[in-house]
Amino acid sequence: MREWLQDAETRIAVRVGDEPGQYALGEEEIELLLALAGTAAHASGDRTNAPLATFLAGLALGRHGDRSLEEIAAAASDTPV
């Protein structure tokens, strides 16, 4: 799984003209995003909400770099930080 993810990070970075390292996800970020995806799928009863919720979290993080992924994921999950 990690090899495919690393390849995707590189493909995206190259396509948009960025350095691949800017898209590298750490283990903590991966765990937060997977937890958010799981919560979105189970709480809503619709697993298609999982990728959409993680996209929204990434969008918020990109627009508000002063916030942490943990804070944004907690907001999306409606859980305290």
Protein backbone atom coordinates (compact mmCIF):
# COMPACT_ATOMS: atom_id res chain seq x y z
CA MET A 1 0.00 0.00 0.00
CA ARG A 2 2.72 2.48 0.92
CA GLU A 3 4.57 1.94 -2.36
CA TRP A 4 1.45 2.81 -4.37
CA LEU A 5 0.83 5.84 -2.17
CA GLN A 6 4.41 7.05 -2.59
CA ASP A 7 4.11 6.63 -6.36
CA ALA A 8 0.85 8.60 -6.32
CA GLU A 9 2.48 11.39 -4.30
CA THR A 10 5.24 11.59 -6.90
CA ARG A 11 2.86 11.48 -9.88
CA ILE A 12 0.70 14.27 -8.42
CA ALA A 13 3.69 16.45 -7.56
CA VAL A 14 5.23 16.05 -11.00
CA ARG A 15 1.93 16.75 -12.74
CA VAL A 16 1.41 20.04 -10.89
CA GLY A 17 5.06 21.08 -10.96
CA ASP A 18 5.91 20.61 -7.28
CA GLU A 19 8.63 18.69 -5.49
CA PRO A 20 7.46 15.18 -4.56
CA GLY A 21 8.58 15.64 -0.95
CA GLN A 22 5.85 18.23 -0.48
CA TYR A 23 3.25 15.48 -0.81
CA ALA A 24 4.84 12.86 1.43
CA LEU A 25 2.48 11.71 4.15
CA GLY A 26 3.91 10.71 7.51
CA GLU A 27 2.59 7.82 9.54
CA GLU A 28 0.68 10.14 11.89
CA GLU A 29 -1.02 11.89 8.96
CA ILE A 30 -1.90 8.56 7.38
CA GLU A 31 -3.43 7.32 10.63
CA LEU A 32 -5.45 10.54 11.10
CA LEU A 33 -6.78 10.39 7.54
CA LEU A 34 -7.65 6.70 7.77
CA ALA A 35 -9.44 7.30 11.07
CA LEU A 36 -11.38 10.19 9.52
CA ALA A 37 -12.29 8.03 6.54
CA GLY A 38 -13.49 5.27 8.85
CA THR A 39 -15.56 7.67 10.91
CA ALA A 40 -17.08 9.26 7.81
CA ALA A 41 -18.04 5.88 6.38
CA HIS A 42 -19.45 4.40 9.56
CA ALA A 43 -21.14 7.47 11.08
CA SER A 44 -22.88 8.35 7.85
CA GLY A 45 -23.66 4.81 6.78
CA ASP A 46 -22.28 5.65 3.35
CA ARG A 47 -18.71 4.65 2.64
CA THR A 48 -18.48 7.04 -0.30
CA ASN A 49 -18.25 9.82 2.29
CA ALA A 50 -14.81 8.53 3.34
CA PRO A 51 -12.77 9.89 0.41
CA LEU A 52 -14.88 13.03 0.25
CA ALA A 53 -14.31 13.83 3.93
CA THR A 54 -10.56 13.31 3.59
CA PHE A 55 -10.54 15.56 0.51
CA LEU A 56 -12.35 18.27 2.49
CA ALA A 57 -9.80 17.93 5.30
CA GLY A 58 -6.96 18.33 2.79
CA LEU A 59 -8.67 21.31 1.22
CA ALA A 60 -9.07 22.97 4.63
CA LEU A 61 -5.45 22.24 5.51
CA GLY A 62 -4.28 23.74 2.23
CA ARG A 63 -6.32 26.88 2.81
CA HIS A 64 -5.49 27.18 6.52
CA GLY A 65 -1.92 26.01 6.96
CA ASP A 66 -1.86 27.47 10.45
CA ARG A 67 -4.25 24.70 11.56
CA SER A 68 -3.19 21.12 12.20
CA LEU A 69 -4.50 18.08 10.39
CA GLU A 70 -5.48 16.72 13.80
CA GLU A 71 -7.67 19.77 14.46
CA ILE A 72 -9.29 19.63 11.03
CA ALA A 73 -9.91 15.88 11.19
CA ALA A 74 -11.44 16.28 14.65
CA ALA A 75 -13.77 18.99 13.33
CA ALA A 76 -14.83 16.79 10.45
CA SER A 77 -15.40 13.87 12.82
CA ASP A 78 -17.19 16.10 15.34
CA THR A 79 -14.82 15.02 18.09
CA PRO A 80 -12.85 17.14 20.56
CA VAL A 81 -9.16 17.68 19.86
